[in-house]
């Protein structure tokens, strides 16, 4: 599906995400990162984390019956992004994406630096966050 979120300014994207106004299938890998960046840019990390998770869960429940959310992948990416945002100081999502294009690589290319595939893709990791077993996630205290 085309990256529908690119057609929206930040405020419209947030409003449509929170109001479940985006079409089914439009919350792509890139759209997940954009909503995370927007929340993390506006709120303290703990509040941003809650908003990201609640929003993704709400979208997942509405469009996928609550079957797609993956707790470990979500938390890991939030903390990878938070660490990069401290160093990057991008003024907007597009700038951040230009300096961090690897975030859009497939999940296993990024997170298997920190997790073994068996651990990352386990049922336990899907249901709740589990710590990495290969290397610590930068900036994340366990």
Protein backbone atom coordinates (compact mmCIF):
# COMPACT_ATOMS: atom_id res chain seq x y z
CA UNK A 1 0.00 0.00 0.00
CA UNK A 2 1.23 3.47 -0.79
CA UNK A 3 2.51 5.50 2.12
CA UNK A 4 -0.76 7.41 2.62
CA UNK A 5 0.63 9.13 5.71
CA UNK A 6 3.10 11.05 3.51
CA UNK A 7 0.18 12.99 2.05
CA UNK A 8 -0.77 14.33 5.50
CA UNK A 9 0.86 17.03 7.59
CA UNK A 10 1.88 16.02 11.10
CA UNK A 11 -1.28 17.26 12.83
CA UNK A 12 -3.61 15.57 10.32
CA UNK A 13 -1.64 12.33 10.56
CA UNK A 14 -1.82 12.30 14.36
CA UNK A 15 -5.53 13.16 14.36
CA UNK A 16 -6.37 10.49 11.78
CA UNK A 17 -4.18 7.90 13.52
CA UNK A 18 -5.76 8.57 16.91
CA UNK A 19 -9.26 8.67 15.45
CA UNK A 20 -8.84 5.46 13.43
CA UNK A 21 -9.56 7.48 10.30
CA UNK A 22 -6.69 6.04 8.27
CA UNK A 23 -7.60 3.21 5.89
CA UNK A 24 -6.91 -0.38 6.86
CA UNK A 25 -3.35 -1.30 5.89
CA UNK A 26 -2.09 2.28 5.93
CA UNK A 27 -0.11 1.95 9.14
CA UNK A 28 2.97 0.62 7.42
CA UNK A 29 6.43 0.12 8.88
CA UNK A 30 7.29 3.72 7.95
CA UNK A 31 4.02 5.08 9.37
CA UNK A 32 4.74 3.33 12.69
CA UNK A 33 8.07 5.14 12.86
CA UNK A 34 6.55 8.48 11.94
CA UNK A 35 3.88 8.34 14.65
CA UNK A 36 6.53 7.24 17.15
CA UNK A 37 8.83 10.11 16.15
CA UNK A 38 6.00 12.64 16.42
CA UNK A 39 5.01 11.47 19.90
CA UNK A 40 8.62 11.21 21.07
CA UNK A 41 9.31 14.72 19.80
CA UNK A 42 6.34 16.14 21.75
CA UNK A 43 6.17 14.20 25.00
CA UNK A 44 8.49 12.74 27.65
CA UNK A 45 9.59 9.22 26.71
CA UNK A 46 7.28 7.44 29.16
CA UNK A 47 4.20 9.32 27.91
CA UNK A 48 5.26 8.95 24.27
CA UNK A 49 5.75 5.21 24.82
CA UNK A 50 2.24 4.88 26.28
CA UNK A 51 0.72 6.84 23.39
CA UNK A 52 2.60 4.79 20.78
CA UNK A 53 1.60 1.47 22.31
CA UNK A 54 -2.02 2.41 22.95
CA UNK A 55 -2.37 3.79 19.43
CA UNK A 56 -0.86 0.73 17.78
CA UNK A 57 -2.95 -1.60 19.94
CA UNK A 58 -6.11 0.34 19.08
CA UNK A 59 -5.33 0.21 15.36
CA UNK A 60 -4.40 -3.48 15.58
CA UNK A 61 -7.62 -4.35 17.41
CA UNK A 62 -9.75 -2.42 14.92
CA UNK A 63 -8.15 -3.75 11.76
CA UNK A 64 -6.43 -7.02 12.60
CA UNK A 65 -8.42 -8.38 15.51
CA UNK A 66 -5.52 -7.72 17.89
CA UNK A 67 -3.25 -10.28 16.24
CA UNK A 68 -0.35 -8.22 14.90
CA UNK A 69 1.00 -6.17 17.82
CA UNK A 70 4.45 -7.31 18.96
CA UNK A 71 5.51 -5.92 22.34
CA UNK A 72 9.26 -6.55 22.09
CA UNK A 73 9.59 -5.13 18.59
CA UNK A 74 7.63 -2.03 19.63
CA UNK A 75 9.62 -1.35 22.82
CA UNK A 76 12.96 -2.10 21.16
CA UNK A 77 12.32 0.28 18.28
CA UNK A 78 11.08 3.00 20.63
CA UNK A 79 14.34 2.86 22.55
CA UNK A 80 16.51 2.64 19.45
CA UNK A 81 14.72 5.72 18.13
CA UNK A 82 15.01 7.56 21.45
CA UNK A 83 18.75 6.96 21.52
CA UNK A 84 19.11 8.18 17.94
CA UNK A 85 16.89 11.22 18.55
CA UNK A 86 19.18 12.33 21.40
CA UNK A 87 22.13 12.26 19.02
CA UNK A 88 20.40 13.33 15.81
CA UNK A 89 18.48 16.49 16.77
CA UNK A 90 16.40 16.38 13.57
CA UNK A 91 13.79 19.13 13.37
CA UNK A 92 11.19 17.01 11.63
CA UNK A 93 10.33 13.44 10.68
CA UNK A 94 11.72 13.71 7.15
CA UNK A 95 15.11 14.90 8.44
CA UNK A 96 15.21 12.07 10.96
CA UNK A 97 14.36 9.52 8.29
CA UNK A 98 17.05 10.88 5.94
CA UNK A 99 19.70 10.36 8.62
CA UNK A 100 18.30 7.00 9.80
CA UNK A 101 17.15 5.19 6.65
CA UNK A 102 18.16 1.82 8.07
CA UNK A 103 15.11 1.92 10.35
CA UNK A 104 13.02 1.07 7.31
CA UNK A 105 14.99 -2.11 6.64
CA UNK A 106 13.18 -5.33 7.53
CA UNK A 107 12.78 -5.92 11.26
CA UNK A 108 15.19 -8.83 11.35
CA UNK A 109 18.01 -6.74 9.82
CA UNK A 110 17.78 -4.17 12.61
CA UNK A 111 16.68 -6.09 15.68
CA UNK A 112 18.72 -9.24 15.12
CA UNK A 113 21.73 -7.13 16.07
CA UNK A 114 20.25 -7.31 19.57
CA UNK A 115 18.14 -10.49 19.56
CA UNK A 116 18.51 -14.02 18.31
CA UNK A 117 15.68 -14.76 15.87
CA UNK A 118 14.23 -17.49 18.10
CA UNK A 119 13.99 -15.07 21.02
CA UNK A 120 12.69 -12.09 19.02
CA UNK A 121 10.00 -14.03 17.19
CA UNK A 122 8.88 -16.10 20.17
CA UNK A 123 5.33 -16.01 21.52
CA UNK A 124 6.69 -14.59 24.78
CA UNK A 125 8.35 -11.66 22.95
CA UNK A 126 5.15 -10.92 21.09
CA UNK A 127 3.08 -10.73 24.28
CA UNK A 128 5.47 -8.73 26.47
CA UNK A 129 8.84 -7.07 26.23
CA UNK A 130 11.85 -9.32 26.74
CA UNK A 131 15.44 -8.17 27.02
CA UNK A 132 17.86 -8.76 24.15
CA UNK A 133 20.15 -11.77 24.25
CA UNK A 134 22.81 -10.75 21.71
CA UNK A 135 23.71 -7.15 22.53
CA UNK A 136 22.13 -4.41 24.68
CA UNK A 137 19.93 -1.84 22.95
CA UNK A 138 21.77 1.52 23.08
CA UNK A 139 20.42 3.80 25.78
CA UNK A 140 17.96 1.25 27.17
CA UNK A 141 18.29 0.32 30.83
CA UNK A 142 16.87 -3.07 31.79
